[in-house]
Amino acid sequence: MEIVNKKIKELTPFEGNPRQRTEQVLNHLVKSIKEHGFVEPIILWANAPDFGYPANCIIGGHRRIDALNWLIENEGMDNIPIPCVEIEVDGIAKAKILNIALNKIGEQFDYPMLKDWLVEIDTGAIDIEVTGFTEVEVKEIFDYEPSNYYKEKDETDIDKIIDGEGGICPKCGYEW
């Protein structure tokens, strides 16, 4: 697989991409890009023009491009080379299937091991949110018990998670 660098102005979002973006995710991506640079390639549909779509059509990586656009507009970060992987996809339906899969498929964490890593790296020298986890989520990881992690949370559990801070409701996804 060959990685090619593109400029942000060369890239075109996949029209109708169904992935939602929250401000919280945008903030995490902005922090991550500032801390580590642009390290995960964008997936481009190489033969999109054959199916009536523009060249350099993004199949995967829309949120990272949103974060980079935010950095350009708000912090003047420009001319950052964007690593991209160009793949040929046989048709619009398969491009949409790949887009959905890239946004949905993922593995669960081994929470005890994740907790150990967070303990090791959280020395106070870094903003823990560059990991993609909020402080509320980290607190939840530290309260992790395998026997009850996947059961539905009741209102008292939610009150413990909230603890007076903003976050996301684990039942309905509401953000505050």
Protein backbone atom coordinates (compact mmCIF):
# COMPACT_ATOMS: atom_id res chain seq x y z
CA MET A 1 0.00 0.00 0.00
CA GLU A 2 1.52 3.29 -1.06
CA ILE A 3 1.01 6.48 0.92
CA VAL A 4 0.84 9.70 -1.07
CA ASN A 5 0.77 13.19 0.41
CA LYS A 6 -1.99 15.55 -0.66
CA LYS A 7 -2.97 19.11 0.20
CA ILE A 8 -6.26 19.67 1.95
CA LYS A 9 -7.60 21.71 -0.99
CA GLU A 10 -7.18 18.65 -3.23
CA LEU A 11 -9.53 16.47 -1.14
CA THR A 12 -13.30 16.18 -1.58
CA PRO A 13 -15.66 14.80 1.08
CA PHE A 14 -17.86 11.85 0.10
CA GLU A 15 -21.25 13.45 -0.49
CA GLY A 16 -23.82 12.31 2.05
CA ASN A 17 -21.32 10.69 4.45
CA PRO A 18 -23.61 9.47 7.28
CA ARG A 19 -21.08 9.75 10.11
CA GLN A 20 -21.99 12.38 12.66
CA ARG A 21 -19.39 14.60 14.24
CA THR A 22 -19.69 15.96 17.72
CA GLU A 23 -17.77 18.94 19.02
CA GLN A 24 -16.22 16.61 21.60
CA VAL A 25 -14.80 14.35 18.87
CA LEU A 26 -13.59 17.39 16.93
CA ASN A 27 -11.80 18.68 20.04
CA HIS A 28 -10.12 15.30 20.62
CA LEU A 29 -8.96 15.14 17.01
CA VAL A 30 -7.64 18.71 17.10
CA LYS A 31 -5.65 17.92 20.27
CA SER A 32 -4.36 14.69 18.76
CA ILE A 33 -3.21 16.35 15.52
CA LYS A 34 -1.51 19.13 17.48
CA GLU A 35 0.24 16.60 19.74
CA HIS A 36 1.17 13.89 17.22
CA GLY A 37 0.73 15.42 13.78
CA PHE A 38 -1.37 13.89 11.02
CA VAL A 39 -0.38 10.24 11.42
CA GLU A 40 -3.34 8.19 10.14
CA PRO A 41 -3.80 8.17 6.36
CA ILE A 42 -6.99 9.37 4.72
CA ILE A 43 -8.62 6.73 2.49
CA LEU A 44 -9.32 8.09 -1.01
CA TRP A 45 -11.48 6.54 -3.71
CA ALA A 46 -8.95 6.40 -6.58
CA ASN A 47 -11.42 5.68 -9.38
CA ALA A 48 -14.29 7.84 -8.11
CA PRO A 49 -14.48 9.84 -11.40
CA ASP A 50 -15.39 6.59 -13.20
CA PHE A 51 -18.63 6.62 -11.17
CA GLY A 52 -19.43 10.34 -11.39
CA TYR A 53 -17.72 11.41 -8.18
CA PRO A 54 -14.88 13.96 -7.99
CA ALA A 55 -11.22 12.97 -7.90
CA ASN A 56 -9.68 12.53 -4.43
CA CYS A 57 -13.06 11.64 -2.93
CA ILE A 58 -12.65 10.77 0.75
CA ILE A 59 -14.01 7.38 1.81
CA GLY A 60 -12.46 7.39 5.28
CA GLY A 61 -11.09 10.26 7.38
CA HIS A 62 -13.73 13.00 7.15
CA ARG A 63 -13.50 13.90 10.86
CA ARG A 64 -9.70 14.24 10.73
CA ILE A 65 -10.08 16.58 7.75
CA ASP A 66 -12.69 18.59 9.73
CA ALA A 67 -10.17 18.88 12.58
CA LEU A 68 -7.42 19.99 10.21
CA ASN A 69 -9.76 22.57 8.66
CA TRP A 70 -10.48 23.87 12.18
CA LEU A 71 -6.73 24.15 12.84
CA ILE A 72 -6.23 26.02 9.56
CA GLU A 73 -9.07 28.46 10.28
CA ASN A 74 -8.34 29.00 13.98
CA GLU A 75 -4.61 28.50 14.41
CA GLY A 76 -3.18 29.17 10.97
CA MET A 77 -1.86 25.65 10.48
CA ASP A 78 -1.57 25.34 6.73
CA ASN A 79 0.41 23.42 4.15
CA ILE A 80 0.38 20.26 6.25
CA PRO A 81 1.02 17.25 4.01
CA ILE A 82 -1.87 14.83 4.45
CA PRO A 83 -0.96 11.16 4.13
CA CYS A 84 -3.46 9.37 1.90
CA VAL A 85 -3.99 5.87 0.61
CA GLU A 86 -5.71 5.64 -2.77
CA ILE A 87 -7.79 2.52 -3.36
CA GLU A 88 -9.90 1.44 -6.29
CA VAL A 89 -13.46 0.53 -5.38
CA ASP A 90 -15.81 -1.15 -7.84
CA GLY A 91 -18.89 1.07 -7.71
CA ILE A 92 -20.83 3.49 -5.57
CA ALA A 93 -22.45 0.81 -3.39
CA LYS A 94 -19.06 -0.70 -2.51
CA ALA A 95 -17.62 2.75 -1.75
CA LYS A 96 -20.53 3.40 0.62
CA ILE A 97 -20.11 -0.04 2.22
CA LEU A 98 -16.43 0.67 2.82
CA ASN A 99 -17.24 4.10 4.27
CA ILE A 100 -19.71 2.53 6.71
CA ALA A 101 -17.31 -0.27 7.65
CA LEU A 102 -14.43 2.16 8.28
CA ASN A 103 -16.68 4.13 10.61
CA LYS A 104 -18.29 1.20 12.41
CA ILE A 105 -15.95 -1.77 12.68
CA GLY A 106 -13.74 -1.69 15.74
CA GLU A 107 -12.56 -3.79 18.60
CA GLN A 108 -13.36 -3.44 22.28
CA PHE A 109 -10.60 -2.50 24.72
CA ASP A 110 -9.19 -4.85 27.30
CA TYR A 111 -10.25 -2.45 30.08
CA PRO A 112 -7.92 -3.71 32.85
CA MET A 113 -4.96 -3.41 30.45
CA LEU A 114 -6.17 0.01 29.24
CA LYS A 115 -6.43 1.15 32.86
CA ASP A 116 -2.82 0.04 33.47
CA TRP A 117 -1.64 2.01 30.44
CA LEU A 118 -3.56 5.12 31.51
CA VAL A 119 -2.03 4.91 34.99
CA GLU A 120 1.43 4.65 33.42
CA ILE A 121 1.06 7.60 31.03
CA ASP A 122 -1.02 9.96 33.19
CA THR A 123 1.85 11.69 34.99
CA GLY A 124 0.24 15.11 34.80
CA ALA A 125 2.66 16.15 32.06
CA ILE A 126 0.12 15.59 29.28
CA ASP A 127 -3.52 16.37 28.65
CA ILE A 128 -5.06 12.88 28.98
CA GLU A 129 -7.70 13.87 26.42
CA VAL A 130 -5.13 13.55 23.60
CA THR A 131 -5.86 9.81 23.97
CA GLY A 132 -9.40 10.46 22.73
CA PHE A 133 -10.95 9.75 26.13
CA THR A 134 -12.59 12.48 28.19
CA GLU A 135 -11.83 12.81 31.89
CA VAL A 136 -15.32 11.42 32.59
CA GLU A 137 -14.58 8.34 30.44
CA VAL A 138 -11.23 7.84 32.18
CA LYS A 139 -13.01 7.94 35.56
CA GLU A 140 -15.44 5.32 34.24
CA ILE A 141 -12.52 3.12 33.13
CA PHE A 142 -11.02 3.37 36.61
CA ASP A 143 -14.37 2.24 38.06
CA TYR A 144 -14.48 -0.68 35.59
CA GLU A 145 -15.62 -4.07 36.85
CA PRO A 146 -15.95 -6.82 34.20
CA SER A 147 -19.16 -8.19 35.74
CA ASN A 148 -21.11 -4.96 35.38
CA TYR A 149 -19.44 -2.95 32.63
CA TYR A 150 -21.88 -3.90 29.89
CA LYS A 151 -25.09 -3.78 31.92
CA GLU A 152 -27.34 -0.79 31.33
CA LYS A 153 -26.59 2.11 33.64
CA ASP A 154 -29.36 3.51 35.84
CA GLU A 155 -29.76 7.15 36.90
CA THR A 156 -27.60 6.76 40.02
CA ASP A 157 -24.79 5.35 37.87
CA ILE A 158 -25.16 8.29 35.50
CA ASP A 159 -24.97 10.73 38.45
CA LYS A 160 -21.70 9.08 39.54
CA ILE A 161 -20.28 9.42 36.02
CA ILE A 162 -21.39 13.04 35.61
CA ASP A 163 -19.98 14.22 38.96
CA GLY A 164 -20.76 17.84 38.05
CA GLU A 165 -18.85 17.78 34.75
CA GLY A 166 -19.93 17.91 31.12
CA GLY A 167 -19.95 14.73 29.12
CA ILE A 168 -22.12 12.31 27.18
CA CYS A 169 -25.05 10.41 28.62
CA PRO A 170 -24.27 6.66 28.31
CA LYS A 171 -27.97 5.88 27.80
CA CYS A 172 -29.05 8.37 25.12
CA GLY A 173 -25.87 10.06 23.90
CA TYR A 174 -26.97 13.56 24.98
CA GLU A 175 -24.00 15.92 25.35
CA TRP A 176 -23.77 18.74 27.89
